[in-house]
């Protein structure tokens, strides 16, 4: 089999295991346009073949048009990499696979101009690989013929491993994410004030100026938390594709409160009243009520947390690679 060309911006540390699992199934050629400091491929244990080759976005066309690859894969990252890879694959007659995280049409001027191209890529792709059923439904509406799901996953062994627990109060809620409007932190802070919980602490992981926390620190904070809150909002240009913190929390038996705009909830991982709670996006009162329930009901926290660990277990890097492998058949 000729190598599979995968064009993407970078491979973050939490995705190296997934790319290694895919490279164990097919010969993989990574073309990375995000710059060397962004790449974590060198940290993939036992998978040197995953090491990426740096390119400029426009170079994706020549690679895809070369005819040297059995498939060309590209996602939505970057400005010109996706259309360049798609056009190059069409030129060489190489099957093109669109790796999509989209489950709505962004409404900025640039996105609206690009909308016909995105529709053409969905319809013209040999297959579309998605984050889950919420993305699959959108892909089918845009004309995708073959849709396969590669579930978002983290290193379950790392996140479930014994580790110190950082707890600062009798009840601890954790927010881990960027302090950006679409992440809903303002909604969470308003809900926390309304809930007025006793002996409770809200931890904001990675406050402004500190940058992202090391995975080990996040794991410790999860171990000391009773709930993780993911209150993402939908904006003109953003809709939370997934939210890997949900997987990470659930591997540690921590239930998640997610808004309806979180891909992990829309995609079926976080399930209301089964392994977490789902609240309407942008509604502090509803979020305050969910926090109050978990604060008051220890048995509910235990039940949701146990189900969370069971439900997150199948979301593995191997399962992610299987979704892609099905698209290659």
C-alpha atoms as a PDB file:
ATOM      1  CA  UNK A   1       0.000   0.000   0.000  1.00  0.00           C
ATOM      2  CA  UNK A   2       1.247   3.470  -0.850  1.00  0.00           C
ATOM      3  CA  UNK A   3       1.489   5.813   2.136  1.00  0.00           C
ATOM      4  CA  UNK A   4      -1.500   7.832   3.276  1.00  0.00           C
ATOM      5  CA  UNK A   5      -0.877  11.595   3.156  1.00  0.00           C
ATOM      6  CA  UNK A   6      -2.359  13.403   6.155  1.00  0.00           C
ATOM      7  CA  UNK A   7      -2.197  17.194   6.000  1.00  0.00           C
ATOM      8  CA  UNK A   8      -2.775  19.002   9.297  1.00  0.00           C
ATOM      9  CA  UNK A   9      -1.431  21.951  11.245  1.00  0.00           C
ATOM     10  CA  UNK A  10       0.186  20.080  14.131  1.00  0.00           C
ATOM     11  CA  UNK A  11       0.028  17.023  16.350  1.00  0.00           C
ATOM     12  CA  UNK A  12      -0.548  18.053  19.971  1.00  0.00           C
ATOM     13  CA  UNK A  13       0.657  15.799  22.790  1.00  0.00           C
ATOM     14  CA  UNK A  14      -2.829  14.492  23.525  1.00  0.00           C
ATOM     15  CA  UNK A  15      -3.165  13.214  19.946  1.00  0.00           C
ATOM     16  CA  UNK A  16       0.207  11.512  19.495  1.00  0.00           C
ATOM     17  CA  UNK A  17      -1.181   8.182  20.675  1.00  0.00           C
ATOM     18  CA  UNK A  18      -3.979   8.371  18.130  1.00  0.00           C
ATOM     19  CA  UNK A  19      -1.595   9.074  15.258  1.00  0.00           C
ATOM     20  CA  UNK A  20       0.672   6.261  16.448  1.00  0.00           C
ATOM     21  CA  UNK A  21      -2.294   3.875  16.422  1.00  0.00           C
ATOM     22  CA  UNK A  22      -3.154   4.945  12.882  1.00  0.00           C
ATOM     23  CA  UNK A  23       0.472   4.592  11.764  1.00  0.00           C
ATOM     24  CA  UNK A  24       0.436   1.024  13.088  1.00  0.00           C
ATOM     25  CA  UNK A  25      -2.377   0.235  10.615  1.00  0.00           C
ATOM     26  CA  UNK A  26      -1.293   2.097   7.474  1.00  0.00           C
ATOM     27  CA  UNK A  27       1.921   3.727   6.258  1.00  0.00           C
ATOM     28  CA  UNK A  28       1.395   7.347   7.244  1.00  0.00           C
ATOM     29  CA  UNK A  29       3.035  10.487   5.875  1.00  0.00           C
ATOM     30  CA  UNK A  30       2.287  13.540   8.009  1.00  0.00           C
ATOM     31  CA  UNK A  31       2.588  16.943   6.339  1.00  0.00           C
ATOM     32  CA  UNK A  32       2.528  19.556   9.113  1.00  0.00           C
ATOM     33  CA  UNK A  33       2.212  23.272   8.446  1.00  0.00           C
ATOM     34  CA  UNK A  34       1.960  24.604  12.004  1.00  0.00           C
ATOM     35  CA  UNK A  35       5.668  25.096  12.639  1.00  0.00           C
ATOM     36  CA  UNK A  36       8.122  22.814  14.473  1.00  0.00           C
ATOM     37  CA  UNK A  37       7.458  24.221  17.941  1.00  0.00           C
ATOM     38  CA  UNK A  38       3.825  23.128  17.752  1.00  0.00           C
ATOM     39  CA  UNK A  39       4.496  19.470  16.989  1.00  0.00           C
ATOM     40  CA  UNK A  40       4.610  16.642  19.516  1.00  0.00           C
ATOM     41  CA  UNK A  41       5.236  13.798  17.080  1.00  0.00           C
ATOM     42  CA  UNK A  42       8.747  13.261  18.416  1.00  0.00           C
ATOM     43  CA  UNK A  43       7.194  12.140  21.681  1.00  0.00           C
ATOM     44  CA  UNK A  44       5.307   9.210  20.163  1.00  0.00           C
ATOM     45  CA  UNK A  45       6.801   6.162  21.797  1.00  0.00           C
ATOM     46  CA  UNK A  46       7.641   3.363  19.371  1.00  0.00           C
ATOM     47  CA  UNK A  47       6.196   5.184  16.375  1.00  0.00           C
ATOM     48  CA  UNK A  48       9.055   6.976  14.690  1.00  0.00           C
ATOM     49  CA  UNK A  49       7.224   6.530  11.406  1.00  0.00           C
ATOM     50  CA  UNK A  50       4.739   9.175  12.591  1.00  0.00           C
ATOM     51  CA  UNK A  51       7.346  11.921  12.487  1.00  0.00           C
ATOM     52  CA  UNK A  52       5.969  14.735  10.364  1.00  0.00           C
ATOM     53  CA  UNK A  53       7.458  16.711   7.489  1.00  0.00           C
ATOM     54  CA  UNK A  54       7.075  20.503   7.741  1.00  0.00           C
ATOM     55  CA  UNK A  55       5.406  22.171   4.763  1.00  0.00           C
ATOM     56  CA  UNK A  56       3.886  25.476   3.772  1.00  0.00           C
ATOM     57  CA  UNK A  57       0.124  25.245   3.299  1.00  0.00           C
ATOM     58  CA  UNK A  58       0.339  25.816  -0.452  1.00  0.00           C
ATOM     59  CA  UNK A  59       2.690  22.821  -0.768  1.00  0.00           C
ATOM     60  CA  UNK A  60      -0.192  20.498   0.070  1.00  0.00           C
ATOM     61  CA  UNK A  61      -1.305  20.769  -3.561  1.00  0.00           C
ATOM     62  CA  UNK A  62       1.914  19.401  -5.044  1.00  0.00           C
ATOM     63  CA  UNK A  63       2.058  16.568  -2.525  1.00  0.00           C
ATOM     64  CA  UNK A  64      -1.544  15.527  -3.143  1.00  0.00           C
ATOM     65  CA  UNK A  65      -1.149  15.874  -6.931  1.00  0.00           C
ATOM     66  CA  UNK A  66       1.986  13.730  -7.030  1.00  0.00           C
ATOM     67  CA  UNK A  67       0.161  10.412  -7.201  1.00  0.00           C
ATOM     68  CA  UNK A  68       2.552   9.018  -4.568  1.00  0.00           C
ATOM     69  CA  UNK A  69      -0.176   8.342  -2.020  1.00  0.00           C
ATOM     70  CA  UNK A  70      -3.055   5.909  -1.716  1.00  0.00           C
ATOM     71  CA  UNK A  71      -5.265   8.476   0.052  1.00  0.00           C
ATOM     72  CA  UNK A  72      -5.079  12.167   0.858  1.00  0.00           C
ATOM     73  CA  UNK A  73      -6.527  13.301   4.201  1.00  0.00           C
ATOM     74  CA  UNK A  74      -7.002  16.901   5.302  1.00  0.00           C
ATOM     75  CA  UNK A  75      -9.030  18.736   7.918  1.00  0.00           C
ATOM     76  CA  UNK A  76     -10.278  22.271   8.386  1.00  0.00           C
ATOM     77  CA  UNK A  77      -7.148  23.742   9.990  1.00  0.00           C
ATOM     78  CA  UNK A  78      -5.395  26.545   8.143  1.00  0.00           C
ATOM     79  CA  UNK A  79      -6.534  28.863   5.387  1.00  0.00           C
ATOM     80  CA  UNK A  80      -5.403  27.187   2.165  1.00  0.00           C
ATOM     81  CA  UNK A  81      -4.216  23.691   3.155  1.00  0.00           C
ATOM     82  CA  UNK A  82      -7.645  22.051   2.798  1.00  0.00           C
ATOM     83  CA  UNK A  83      -8.545  23.392  -0.680  1.00  0.00           C
ATOM     84  CA  UNK A  84      -4.954  22.817  -1.856  1.00  0.00           C
ATOM     85  CA  UNK A  85      -4.986  19.180  -0.719  1.00  0.00           C
ATOM     86  CA  UNK A  86      -8.479  18.611  -2.163  1.00  0.00           C
ATOM     87  CA  UNK A  87      -7.547  20.119  -5.541  1.00  0.00           C
ATOM     88  CA  UNK A  88      -4.276  18.190  -5.674  1.00  0.00           C
ATOM     89  CA  UNK A  89      -6.032  14.903  -4.930  1.00  0.00           C
ATOM     90  CA  UNK A  90      -8.555  15.561  -7.708  1.00  0.00           C
ATOM     91  CA  UNK A  91      -5.730  16.338 -10.115  1.00  0.00           C
ATOM     92  CA  UNK A  92      -4.008  13.012  -9.419  1.00  0.00           C
ATOM     93  CA  UNK A  93      -7.186  10.970  -9.038  1.00  0.00           C
ATOM     94  CA  UNK A  94      -6.234  10.065  -5.465  1.00  0.00           C
ATOM     95  CA  UNK A  95      -9.180   9.394  -3.124  1.00  0.00           C
ATOM     96  CA  UNK A  96      -9.639  12.363  -0.790  1.00  0.00           C
ATOM     97  CA  UNK A  97     -10.823  11.983   2.811  1.00  0.00           C
ATOM     98  CA  UNK A  98     -12.132  15.037   4.639  1.00  0.00           C
ATOM     99  CA  UNK A  99     -11.478  14.951   8.406  1.00  0.00           C
ATOM    100  CA  UNK A 100     -14.214  17.207   9.728  1.00  0.00           C
ATOM    101  CA  UNK A 101     -15.033  18.738  13.094  1.00  0.00           C
ATOM    102  CA  UNK A 102     -17.769  20.986  11.694  1.00  0.00           C
ATOM    103  CA  UNK A 103     -21.326  20.692  12.972  1.00  0.00           C
ATOM    104  CA  UNK A 104     -22.563  24.118  11.943  1.00  0.00           C
ATOM    105  CA  UNK A 105     -21.863  26.756   9.314  1.00  0.00           C
ATOM    106  CA  UNK A 106     -19.774  29.590  10.812  1.00  0.00           C
ATOM    107  CA  UNK A 107     -21.253  32.978   9.996  1.00  0.00           C
ATOM    108  CA  UNK A 108     -18.226  35.227   9.524  1.00  0.00           C
ATOM    109  CA  UNK A 109     -17.805  36.887   6.110  1.00  0.00           C
ATOM    110  CA  UNK A 110     -14.840  34.663   5.260  1.00  0.00           C
ATOM    111  CA  UNK A 111     -16.700  31.503   6.251  1.00  0.00           C
ATOM    112  CA  UNK A 112     -19.759  32.466   4.230  1.00  0.00           C
ATOM    113  CA  UNK A 113     -17.586  33.042   1.161  1.00  0.00           C
ATOM    114  CA  UNK A 114     -15.992  29.624   1.693  1.00  0.00           C
ATOM    115  CA  UNK A 115     -19.328  27.844   2.278  1.00  0.00           C
ATOM    116  CA  UNK A 116     -19.767  26.637  -1.356  1.00  0.00           C
ATOM    117  CA  UNK A 117     -16.241  25.186  -1.278  1.00  0.00           C
ATOM    118  CA  UNK A 118     -16.903  23.379   2.014  1.00  0.00           C
ATOM    119  CA  UNK A 119     -20.100  21.934   0.561  1.00  0.00           C
ATOM    120  CA  UNK A 120     -18.232  20.822  -2.574  1.00  0.00           C
ATOM    121  CA  UNK A 121     -15.536  19.135  -0.458  1.00  0.00           C
ATOM    122  CA  UNK A 122     -18.163  17.269   1.588  1.00  0.00           C
ATOM    123  CA  UNK A 123     -19.921  16.107  -1.550  1.00  0.00           C
ATOM    124  CA  UNK A 124     -16.786  15.368  -3.557  1.00  0.00           C
ATOM    125  CA  UNK A 125     -14.774  13.556  -0.920  1.00  0.00           C
ATOM    126  CA  UNK A 126     -14.302   9.801  -1.162  1.00  0.00           C
ATOM    127  CA  UNK A 127     -15.274   9.743   2.530  1.00  0.00           C
ATOM    128  CA  UNK A 128     -15.725  12.075   5.480  1.00  0.00           C
ATOM    129  CA  UNK A 129     -14.318  11.115   8.876  1.00  0.00           C
ATOM    130  CA  UNK A 130     -16.019  12.910  11.769  1.00  0.00           C
ATOM    131  CA  UNK A 131     -15.711  13.482  15.521  1.00  0.00           C
ATOM    132  CA  UNK A 132     -19.070  11.812  16.166  1.00  0.00           C
ATOM    133  CA  UNK A 133     -22.741  11.652  15.167  1.00  0.00           C
ATOM    134  CA  UNK A 134     -23.287  15.401  15.609  1.00  0.00           C
ATOM    135  CA  UNK A 135     -20.652  16.105  12.946  1.00  0.00           C
ATOM    136  CA  UNK A 136     -21.836  13.181  10.820  1.00  0.00           C
ATOM    137  CA  UNK A 137     -25.349  14.613  10.613  1.00  0.00           C
ATOM    138  CA  UNK A 138     -24.005  17.951   9.401  1.00  0.00           C
ATOM    139  CA  UNK A 139     -21.741  16.223   6.864  1.00  0.00           C
ATOM    140  CA  UNK A 140     -24.662  14.293   5.400  1.00  0.00           C
ATOM    141  CA  UNK A 141     -26.707  17.483   5.101  1.00  0.00           C
ATOM    142  CA  UNK A 142     -23.877  18.914   3.005  1.00  0.00           C
ATOM    143  CA  UNK A 143     -23.881  15.937   0.665  1.00  0.00           C
ATOM    144  CA  UNK A 144     -21.283  13.555   2.115  1.00  0.00           C
ATOM    145  CA  UNK A 145     -21.725  10.088   0.609  1.00  0.00           C
ATOM    146  CA  UNK A 146     -19.640   7.940   2.967  1.00  0.00           C
ATOM    147  CA  UNK A 147     -19.310   8.989   6.588  1.00  0.00           C
ATOM    148  CA  UNK A 148     -17.192   7.256   9.228  1.00  0.00           C
ATOM    149  CA  UNK A 149     -16.783   8.252  12.870  1.00  0.00           C
ATOM    150  CA  UNK A 150     -13.423   8.370  14.630  1.00  0.00           C
ATOM    151  CA  UNK A 151     -14.344   9.077  18.264  1.00  0.00           C
ATOM    152  CA  UNK A 152     -12.300  11.649  20.108  1.00  0.00           C
ATOM    153  CA  UNK A 153     -10.038   9.987  22.651  1.00  0.00           C
ATOM    154  CA  UNK A 154      -7.296  10.573  25.197  1.00  0.00           C
ATOM    155  CA  UNK A 155      -4.732   8.275  26.804  1.00  0.00           C
ATOM    156  CA  UNK A 156      -7.069   6.506  29.210  1.00  0.00           C
ATOM    157  CA  UNK A 157      -4.247   4.764  31.077  1.00  0.00           C
ATOM    158  CA  UNK A 158      -2.639   8.121  31.895  1.00  0.00           C
ATOM    159  CA  UNK A 159      -5.824   9.840  33.010  1.00  0.00           C
ATOM    160  CA  UNK A 160      -7.053   6.910  35.098  1.00  0.00           C
ATOM    161  CA  UNK A 161      -3.684   6.241  36.775  1.00  0.00           C
ATOM    162  CA  UNK A 162      -3.319   6.816  40.547  1.00  0.00           C
ATOM    163  CA  UNK A 163      -2.170  10.370  41.239  1.00  0.00           C
ATOM    164  CA  UNK A 164      -2.231  12.976  44.037  1.00  0.00           C
ATOM    165  CA  UNK A 165      -5.519  14.803  44.436  1.00  0.00           C
ATOM    166  CA  UNK A 166      -5.596  18.593  44.744  1.00  0.00           C
ATOM    167  CA  UNK A 167      -8.688  19.564  46.743  1.00  0.00           C
ATOM    168  CA  UNK A 168      -9.301  22.971  48.275  1.00  0.00           C
ATOM    169  CA  UNK A 169     -12.790  22.596  49.722  1.00  0.00           C
ATOM    170  CA  UNK A 170     -15.434  20.048  50.660  1.00  0.00           C
ATOM    171  CA  UNK A 171     -16.957  20.420  47.172  1.00  0.00           C
ATOM    172  CA  UNK A 172     -14.777  21.342  44.219  1.00  0.00           C
ATOM    173  CA  UNK A 173     -15.792  22.263  40.677  1.00  0.00           C
ATOM    174  CA  UNK A 174     -13.178  22.563  37.940  1.00  0.00           C
ATOM    175  CA  UNK A 175     -13.098  24.603  34.736  1.00  0.00           C
ATOM    176  CA  UNK A 176     -10.180  23.838  32.397  1.00  0.00           C
ATOM    177  CA  UNK A 177     -10.012  25.864  29.223  1.00  0.00           C
ATOM    178  CA  UNK A 178      -9.206  29.155  27.590  1.00  0.00           C
ATOM    179  CA  UNK A 179     -10.690  32.313  29.050  1.00  0.00           C
ATOM    180  CA  UNK A 180     -12.406  33.165  25.774  1.00  0.00           C
ATOM    181  CA  UNK A 181     -16.052  34.246  25.347  1.00  0.00           C
ATOM    182  CA  UNK A 182     -17.035  31.043  23.530  1.00  0.00           C
ATOM    183  CA  UNK A 183     -15.804  28.911  26.430  1.00  0.00           C
ATOM    184  CA  UNK A 184     -18.570  30.263  28.664  1.00  0.00           C
ATOM    185  CA  UNK A 185     -16.499  31.127  31.711  1.00  0.00           C
ATOM    186  CA  UNK A 186     -18.576  34.259  32.350  1.00  0.00           C
ATOM    187  CA  UNK A 187     -21.707  32.096  32.429  1.00  0.00           C
ATOM    188  CA  UNK A 188     -20.057  29.725  34.903  1.00  0.00           C
ATOM    189  CA  UNK A 189     -18.983  32.548  37.197  1.00  0.00           C
ATOM    190  CA  UNK A 190     -22.513  33.958  37.186  1.00  0.00           C
ATOM    191  CA  UNK A 191     -23.943  30.508  37.945  1.00  0.00           C
ATOM    192  CA  UNK A 192     -21.456  30.005  40.768  1.00  0.00           C
ATOM    193  CA  UNK A 193     -22.546  33.255  42.405  1.00  0.00           C
ATOM    194  CA  UNK A 194     -26.198  32.278  42.071  1.00  0.00           C
ATOM    195  CA  UNK A 195     -25.627  28.808  43.495  1.00  0.00           C
ATOM    196  CA  UNK A 196     -23.974  30.245  46.653  1.00  0.00           C
ATOM    197  CA  UNK A 197     -22.696  26.819  47.720  1.00  0.00           C
ATOM    198  CA  UNK A 198     -21.268  26.271  51.197  1.00  0.00           C
ATOM    199  CA  UNK A 199     -17.760  24.852  51.669  1.00  0.00           C
ATOM    200  CA  UNK A 200     -17.229  24.908  47.907  1.00  0.00           C
ATOM    201  CA  UNK A 201     -14.490  26.099  45.600  1.00  0.00           C
ATOM    202  CA  UNK A 202     -14.415  26.831  41.875  1.00  0.00           C
ATOM    203  CA  UNK A 203     -10.996  26.125  40.360  1.00  0.00           C
ATOM    204  CA  UNK A 204     -10.108  27.858  37.095  1.00  0.00           C
ATOM    205  CA  UNK A 205      -7.276  25.819  35.548  1.00  0.00           C
ATOM    206  CA  UNK A 206      -4.835  27.911  33.550  1.00  0.00           C
ATOM    207  CA  UNK A 207      -5.892  31.468  34.512  1.00  0.00           C
ATOM    208  CA  UNK A 208      -4.727  34.359  32.315  1.00  0.00           C
ATOM    209  CA  UNK A 209      -0.965  34.817  32.395  1.00  0.00           C
ATOM    210  CA  UNK A 210      -0.178  31.270  33.465  1.00  0.00           C
ATOM    211  CA  UNK A 211      -0.807  29.453  30.201  1.00  0.00           C
ATOM    212  CA  UNK A 212      -2.027  25.854  29.921  1.00  0.00           C
ATOM    213  CA  UNK A 213      -1.268  23.549  32.830  1.00  0.00           C
ATOM    214  CA  UNK A 214       0.826  20.407  32.500  1.00  0.00           C
ATOM    215  CA  UNK A 215      -1.287  17.250  32.056  1.00  0.00           C
ATOM    216  CA  UNK A 216      -0.056  15.904  35.398  1.00  0.00           C
ATOM    217  CA  UNK A 217      -1.356  19.016  37.181  1.00  0.00           C
ATOM    218  CA  UNK A 218      -4.719  18.795  35.425  1.00  0.00           C
ATOM    219  CA  UNK A 219      -4.940  15.120  36.432  1.00  0.00           C
ATOM    220  CA  UNK A 220      -4.276  16.047  40.049  1.00  0.00           C
ATOM    221  CA  UNK A 221      -6.949  18.747  39.975  1.00  0.00           C
ATOM    222  CA  UNK A 222      -9.407  16.290  38.434  1.00  0.00           C
ATOM    223  CA  UNK A 223      -8.639  13.812  41.187  1.00  0.00           C
ATOM    224  CA  UNK A 224      -9.648  16.383  43.775  1.00  0.00           C
ATOM    225  CA  UNK A 225     -12.747  17.641  41.975  1.00  0.00           C
ATOM    226  CA  UNK A 226     -16.367  16.555  42.256  1.00  0.00           C
ATOM    227  CA  UNK A 227     -17.415  17.891  38.871  1.00  0.00           C
ATOM    228  CA  UNK A 228     -15.926  19.390  35.713  1.00  0.00           C
ATOM    229  CA  UNK A 229     -17.933  22.162  34.084  1.00  0.00           C
ATOM    230  CA  UNK A 230     -17.770  22.755  30.309  1.00  0.00           C
ATOM    231  CA  UNK A 231     -20.168  25.683  29.676  1.00  0.00           C
ATOM    232  CA  UNK A 232     -19.242  26.428  26.045  1.00  0.00           C
ATOM    233  CA  UNK A 233     -21.309  28.848  23.962  1.00  0.00           C
ATOM    234  CA  UNK A 234     -22.073  29.020  20.271  1.00  0.00           C
ATOM    235  CA  UNK A 235     -20.843  32.130  18.466  1.00  0.00           C
ATOM    236  CA  UNK A 236     -20.854  33.319  14.855  1.00  0.00           C
ATOM    237  CA  UNK A 237     -17.552  31.541  14.220  1.00  0.00           C
ATOM    238  CA  UNK A 238     -17.328  28.795  16.865  1.00  0.00           C
ATOM    239  CA  UNK A 239     -19.143  25.715  18.070  1.00  0.00           C
ATOM    240  CA  UNK A 240     -17.218  23.456  20.463  1.00  0.00           C
ATOM    241  CA  UNK A 241     -16.213  20.449  18.298  1.00  0.00           C
ATOM    242  CA  UNK A 242     -15.733  18.134  21.273  1.00  0.00           C
ATOM    243  CA  UNK A 243     -13.984  19.074  24.535  1.00  0.00           C
ATOM    244  CA  UNK A 244     -11.344  16.487  25.470  1.00  0.00           C
ATOM    245  CA  UNK A 245     -11.489  17.570  29.121  1.00  0.00           C
ATOM    246  CA  UNK A 246     -14.737  15.579  29.222  1.00  0.00           C
ATOM    247  CA  UNK A 247     -12.894  12.353  28.356  1.00  0.00           C
ATOM    248  CA  UNK A 248     -10.130  13.173  30.828  1.00  0.00           C
ATOM    249  CA  UNK A 249     -12.561  13.825  33.667  1.00  0.00           C
ATOM    250  CA  UNK A 250     -14.650  10.753  32.986  1.00  0.00           C
ATOM    251  CA  UNK A 251     -11.599   8.471  33.070  1.00  0.00           C
ATOM    252  CA  UNK A 252     -11.069   9.779  36.621  1.00  0.00           C
ATOM    253  CA  UNK A 253     -14.670   8.994  37.644  1.00  0.00           C
ATOM    254  CA  UNK A 254     -15.562  12.702  37.646  1.00  0.00           C
ATOM    255  CA  UNK A 255     -18.985  13.619  36.221  1.00  0.00           C
ATOM    256  CA  UNK A 256     -19.262  16.473  33.731  1.00  0.00           C
ATOM    257  CA  UNK A 257     -21.742  19.312  33.478  1.00  0.00           C
ATOM    258  CA  UNK A 258     -21.718  20.230  29.792  1.00  0.00           C
ATOM    259  CA  UNK A 259     -23.735  22.763  27.872  1.00  0.00           C
ATOM    260  CA  UNK A 260     -25.786  21.780  24.863  1.00  0.00           C
ATOM    261  CA  UNK A 261     -23.116  23.426  22.676  1.00  0.00           C
ATOM    262  CA  UNK A 262     -20.396  20.960  23.697  1.00  0.00           C
ATOM    263  CA  UNK A 263     -19.571  18.373  21.040  1.00  0.00           C
ATOM    264  CA  UNK A 264     -18.932  15.664  23.627  1.00  0.00           C
ATOM    265  CA  UNK A 265     -22.567  16.040  24.735  1.00  0.00           C
ATOM    266  CA  UNK A 266     -24.052  16.377  21.249  1.00  0.00           C
ATOM    267  CA  UNK A 267     -21.824  13.483  20.118  1.00  0.00           C
ATOM    268  CA  UNK A 268     -23.073  11.091  22.774  1.00  0.00           C
ATOM    269  CA  UNK A 269     -20.255  10.844  25.336  1.00  0.00           C
ATOM    270  CA  UNK A 270     -21.719  13.061  28.068  1.00  0.00           C
ATOM    271  CA  UNK A 271     -25.278  11.883  28.698  1.00  0.00           C
ATOM    272  CA  UNK A 272     -27.756  13.722  30.857  1.00  0.00           C
ATOM    273  CA  UNK A 273     -28.567  11.927  34.120  1.00  0.00           C
ATOM    274  CA  UNK A 274     -26.455   8.924  33.066  1.00  0.00           C
ATOM    275  CA  UNK A 275     -22.842  10.045  33.442  1.00  0.00           C
ATOM    276  CA  UNK A 276     -23.227  13.800  33.819  1.00  0.00           C
ATOM    277  CA  UNK A 277     -25.659  16.660  33.420  1.00  0.00           C
ATOM    278  CA  UNK A 278     -26.393  18.678  30.266  1.00  0.00           C
ATOM    279  CA  UNK A 279     -27.700  22.213  30.635  1.00  0.00           C
ATOM    280  CA  UNK A 280     -28.865  24.813  28.089  1.00  0.00           C
ATOM    281  CA  UNK A 281     -25.962  26.907  26.844  1.00  0.00           C
ATOM    282  CA  UNK A 282     -25.853  30.451  28.170  1.00  0.00           C
ATOM    283  CA  UNK A 283     -28.270  29.899  31.089  1.00  0.00           C
ATOM    284  CA  UNK A 284     -26.581  30.605  34.447  1.00  0.00           C
ATOM    285  CA  UNK A 285     -29.691  29.652  36.433  1.00  0.00           C
ATOM    286  CA  UNK A 286     -29.864  26.179  34.903  1.00  0.00           C
ATOM    287  CA  UNK A 287     -26.137  25.702  35.465  1.00  0.00           C
ATOM    288  CA  UNK A 288     -26.477  26.890  39.064  1.00  0.00           C
ATOM    289  CA  UNK A 289     -29.213  24.310  39.596  1.00  0.00           C
ATOM    290  CA  UNK A 290     -27.017  21.524  38.228  1.00  0.00           C
ATOM    291  CA  UNK A 291     -24.144  22.572  40.477  1.00  0.00           C
ATOM    292  CA  UNK A 292     -26.494  22.681  43.456  1.00  0.00           C
ATOM    293  CA  UNK A 293     -27.719  19.160  42.766  1.00  0.00           C
ATOM    294  CA  UNK A 294     -24.238  17.690  42.618  1.00  0.00           C
ATOM    295  CA  UNK A 295     -23.202  19.648  45.705  1.00  0.00           C
ATOM    296  CA  UNK A 296     -26.146  18.319  47.702  1.00  0.00           C
ATOM    297  CA  UNK A 297     -26.326  14.731  46.426  1.00  0.00           C
ATOM    298  CA  UNK A 298     -23.193  12.715  47.105  1.00  0.00           C
ATOM    299  CA  UNK A 299     -24.876   9.531  45.876  1.00  0.00           C
ATOM    300  CA  UNK A 300     -25.687  11.199  42.550  1.00  0.00           C
ATOM    301  CA  UNK A 301     -22.059  12.236  42.120  1.00  0.00           C
ATOM    302  CA  UNK A 302     -20.918   8.682  42.816  1.00  0.00           C
ATOM    303  CA  UNK A 303     -23.419   7.143  40.401  1.00  0.00           C
ATOM    304  CA  UNK A 304     -22.653   9.558  37.579  1.00  0.00           C
ATOM    305  CA  UNK A 305     -18.895   9.248  38.118  1.00  0.00           C
ATOM    306  CA  UNK A 306     -18.939   5.445  37.999  1.00  0.00           C
ATOM    307  CA  UNK A 307     -20.976   5.494  34.781  1.00  0.00           C
ATOM    308  CA  UNK A 308     -18.662   8.156  33.346  1.00  0.00           C
ATOM    309  CA  UNK A 309     -15.610   5.906  33.703  1.00  0.00           C
ATOM    310  CA  UNK A 310     -17.425   2.991  32.065  1.00  0.00           C
ATOM    311  CA  UNK A 311     -18.725   5.101  29.195  1.00  0.00           C
ATOM    312  CA  UNK A 312     -15.380   6.766  28.472  1.00  0.00           C
ATOM    313  CA  UNK A 313     -13.482   3.476  28.342  1.00  0.00           C
ATOM    314  CA  UNK A 314     -14.369   2.625  24.678  1.00  0.00           C
ATOM    315  CA  UNK A 315     -13.157   6.052  23.509  1.00  0.00           C
ATOM    316  CA  UNK A 316      -9.600   4.960  22.793  1.00  0.00           C
ATOM    317  CA  UNK A 317      -6.879   5.899  20.355  1.00  0.00           C
ATOM    318  CA  UNK A 318      -7.325   2.484  18.769  1.00  0.00           C
ATOM    319  CA  UNK A 319     -11.031   3.194  18.207  1.00  0.00           C
ATOM    320  CA  UNK A 320     -10.102   6.523  16.614  1.00  0.00           C
ATOM    321  CA  UNK A 321      -7.674   4.754  14.266  1.00  0.00           C
ATOM    322  CA  UNK A 322     -10.334   2.158  13.407  1.00  0.00           C
ATOM    323  CA  UNK A 323     -12.674   4.929  12.241  1.00  0.00           C
ATOM    324  CA  UNK A 324     -10.050   6.153   9.821  1.00  0.00           C
ATOM    325  CA  UNK A 325      -9.108   2.620   8.709  1.00  0.00           C
ATOM    326  CA  UNK A 326     -12.723   2.002   7.695  1.00  0.00           C
ATOM    327  CA  UNK A 327     -12.568   5.028   5.415  1.00  0.00           C
ATOM    328  CA  UNK A 328      -9.499   3.588   3.706  1.00  0.00           C
ATOM    329  CA  UNK A 329     -11.255   0.361   2.709  1.00  0.00           C
END
